[in-house]
Every structure is written in structure tokens, then in C-alpha cells.
Amino acid sequence: MQIGYSENFLKQQEKAPEHVRILLKERIRIFSRDKFDGVLNNHKLMGKMKGLRSINIGGDWRALFVELSSGDVIFKAIGTHSRLYK
């Protein structure tokens, strides 16, 4: 599995607080070993976000991604729960 990042994700990551960026690196490391590790709470999204999945980064922060048919993953967005799910 290869992990990619959308331009939008990279911009949002840059604006995130430092402690969130540190947690994100740790979560991506965990994700690359086992994308269903319990700490991630990896789950499908419904409604207008159908086709995306979400993992917990820490506190109220989430990262959204899409899994391609090849098994590769592209992270699309990162933000607080309330920002992402408006």
C-alpha cells in the first residue's frame, strides 16, 4: 500500500497546531503498519461523504482518506470534527 496526500490535505496539515502534526505523523506510521489498528478508529463515512473513510488523529482531530481499488490510499483532508463534517 502506498500513501499519498492531496494538495488540500498538505495545506490543512501546515495550518494545524504543532501537537496535531506530531500526532498525525504517529498515526500515519500506525496506519501504514495496520490501517485498522484500534487507536485509529478507521471507519466509513456516510451521506455526502460516502466513499471516504476517517481516522482519529487525537482529541477532536480527524483525517479523511479514500482507498483506491489498487489498495493505495490518498489522504484528502485533516481538521476538527466540526470543520470536516459541516
C-alpha atoms as a PDB file:
ATOM      1  CA  MET A   1       0.000   0.000   0.000  1.00  0.00           C
ATOM      2  CA  GLN A   2       1.259   3.426  -0.941  1.00  0.00           C
ATOM      3  CA  ILE A   3       0.049   6.535   0.892  1.00  0.00           C
ATOM      4  CA  GLY A   4      -0.448   9.826  -0.929  1.00  0.00           C
ATOM      5  CA  TYR A   5      -1.646  13.252   0.127  1.00  0.00           C
ATOM      6  CA  SER A   6      -3.842  15.705  -1.748  1.00  0.00           C
ATOM      7  CA  GLU A   7      -2.735  19.305  -2.082  1.00  0.00           C
ATOM      8  CA  ASN A   8      -5.665  20.313   0.137  1.00  0.00           C
ATOM      9  CA  PHE A   9      -4.548  17.884   2.860  1.00  0.00           C
ATOM     10  CA  LEU A  10      -0.994  19.228   2.800  1.00  0.00           C
ATOM     11  CA  LYS A  11      -2.232  22.832   3.117  1.00  0.00           C
ATOM     12  CA  GLN A  12      -4.541  21.922   6.019  1.00  0.00           C
ATOM     13  CA  GLN A  13      -1.738  19.992   7.718  1.00  0.00           C
ATOM     14  CA  GLU A  14       0.558  23.026   7.532  1.00  0.00           C
ATOM     15  CA  LYS A  15      -2.078  25.120   9.339  1.00  0.00           C
ATOM     16  CA  ALA A  16      -2.697  22.536  12.071  1.00  0.00           C
ATOM     17  CA  PRO A  17      -1.201  23.118  15.532  1.00  0.00           C
ATOM     18  CA  GLU A  18       2.218  21.563  16.093  1.00  0.00           C
ATOM     19  CA  HIS A  19       0.923  18.926  18.538  1.00  0.00           C
ATOM     20  CA  VAL A  20      -1.577  17.763  15.892  1.00  0.00           C
ATOM     21  CA  ARG A  21       1.159  17.494  13.249  1.00  0.00           C
ATOM     22  CA  ILE A  22       3.206  15.366  15.661  1.00  0.00           C
ATOM     23  CA  LEU A  23       0.208  13.120  16.378  1.00  0.00           C
ATOM     24  CA  LEU A  24      -0.516  12.874  12.652  1.00  0.00           C
ATOM     25  CA  LYS A  25       2.979  11.525  11.933  1.00  0.00           C
ATOM     26  CA  GLU A  26       2.499   8.894  14.632  1.00  0.00           C
ATOM     27  CA  ARG A  27      -0.957   7.929  13.336  1.00  0.00           C
ATOM     28  CA  ILE A  28       0.291   7.657   9.739  1.00  0.00           C
ATOM     29  CA  ARG A  29       3.075   5.365  10.968  1.00  0.00           C
ATOM     30  CA  ILE A  30       0.493   3.176  12.730  1.00  0.00           C
ATOM     31  CA  PHE A  31      -1.791   3.330   9.675  1.00  0.00           C
ATOM     32  CA  SER A  32       0.987   2.153   7.359  1.00  0.00           C
ATOM     33  CA  ARG A  33       1.518  -0.944   9.542  1.00  0.00           C
ATOM     34  CA  ASP A  34      -2.161  -1.713  10.249  1.00  0.00           C
ATOM     35  CA  LYS A  35      -4.854   0.581   8.877  1.00  0.00           C
ATOM     36  CA  PHE A  36      -7.412  -0.975  11.215  1.00  0.00           C
ATOM     37  CA  ASP A  37      -5.426  -0.579  14.449  1.00  0.00           C
ATOM     38  CA  GLY A  38      -7.932   0.232  17.212  1.00  0.00           C
ATOM     39  CA  VAL A  39      -6.331   3.568  18.101  1.00  0.00           C
ATOM     40  CA  LEU A  40      -7.245   4.876  14.627  1.00  0.00           C
ATOM     41  CA  ASN A  41     -10.975   4.099  14.762  1.00  0.00           C
ATOM     42  CA  ASN A  42     -10.898   3.693  10.975  1.00  0.00           C
ATOM     43  CA  HIS A  43     -14.471   3.875   9.694  1.00  0.00           C
ATOM     44  CA  LYS A  44     -16.556   4.555   6.577  1.00  0.00           C
ATOM     45  CA  LEU A  45     -18.390   7.826   6.228  1.00  0.00           C
ATOM     46  CA  MET A  46     -21.991   8.137   5.072  1.00  0.00           C
ATOM     47  CA  GLY A  47     -24.172  10.680   3.334  1.00  0.00           C
ATOM     48  CA  LYS A  48     -22.444  13.375   1.309  1.00  0.00           C
ATOM     49  CA  MET A  49     -19.065  11.924   2.342  1.00  0.00           C
ATOM     50  CA  LYS A  50     -19.816   8.414   1.150  1.00  0.00           C
ATOM     51  CA  GLY A  51     -16.691   6.855  -0.347  1.00  0.00           C
ATOM     52  CA  LEU A  52     -14.400   8.462   2.223  1.00  0.00           C
ATOM     53  CA  ARG A  53     -13.051   6.958   5.413  1.00  0.00           C
ATOM     54  CA  SER A  54     -11.925   8.663   8.609  1.00  0.00           C
ATOM     55  CA  ILE A  55      -9.264   8.021  11.224  1.00  0.00           C
ATOM     56  CA  ASN A  56      -8.805   9.685  14.596  1.00  0.00           C
ATOM     57  CA  ILE A  57      -5.688  11.800  14.957  1.00  0.00           C
ATOM     58  CA  GLY A  58      -6.199  12.966  18.513  1.00  0.00           C
ATOM     59  CA  GLY A  59      -8.822  14.819  20.507  1.00  0.00           C
ATOM     60  CA  ASP A  60     -11.307  16.237  18.025  1.00  0.00           C
ATOM     61  CA  TRP A  61      -8.985  15.962  15.008  1.00  0.00           C
ATOM     62  CA  ARG A  62      -9.699  13.579  12.117  1.00  0.00           C
ATOM     63  CA  ALA A  63      -8.048  12.730   8.799  1.00  0.00           C
ATOM     64  CA  LEU A  64     -10.194  11.759   5.820  1.00  0.00           C
ATOM     65  CA  PHE A  65      -8.964   9.476   3.066  1.00  0.00           C
ATOM     66  CA  VAL A  66     -10.048   7.476   0.071  1.00  0.00           C
ATOM     67  CA  GLU A  67      -8.881   3.957  -0.656  1.00  0.00           C
ATOM     68  CA  LEU A  68      -8.259   3.254  -4.324  1.00  0.00           C
ATOM     69  CA  SER A  69      -9.055  -0.067  -5.995  1.00  0.00           C
ATOM     70  CA  SER A  70      -5.296  -0.743  -6.094  1.00  0.00           C
ATOM     71  CA  GLY A  71      -5.243  -0.650  -2.290  1.00  0.00           C
ATOM     72  CA  ASP A  72      -3.350   2.634  -2.254  1.00  0.00           C
ATOM     73  CA  VAL A  73      -4.636   5.448  -0.051  1.00  0.00           C
ATOM     74  CA  ILE A  74      -4.893   9.194  -0.593  1.00  0.00           C
ATOM     75  CA  PHE A  75      -5.461  11.430   2.409  1.00  0.00           C
ATOM     76  CA  LYS A  76      -7.846  14.205   1.352  1.00  0.00           C
ATOM     77  CA  ALA A  77      -8.471  16.386   4.423  1.00  0.00           C
ATOM     78  CA  ILE A  78      -7.499  16.940   8.032  1.00  0.00           C
ATOM     79  CA  GLY A  79      -9.351  19.031  10.569  1.00  0.00           C
ATOM     80  CA  THR A  80     -11.553  19.088  13.610  1.00  0.00           C
ATOM     81  CA  HIS A  81     -14.708  17.032  13.612  1.00  0.00           C
ATOM     82  CA  SER A  82     -16.918  20.125  13.420  1.00  0.00           C
ATOM     83  CA  ARG A  83     -14.958  21.604  10.479  1.00  0.00           C
ATOM     84  CA  LEU A  84     -14.891  18.441   8.413  1.00  0.00           C
ATOM     85  CA  TYR A  85     -18.475  17.340   8.947  1.00  0.00           C
ATOM     86  CA  LYS A  86     -20.400  20.599   8.475  1.00  0.00           C
END
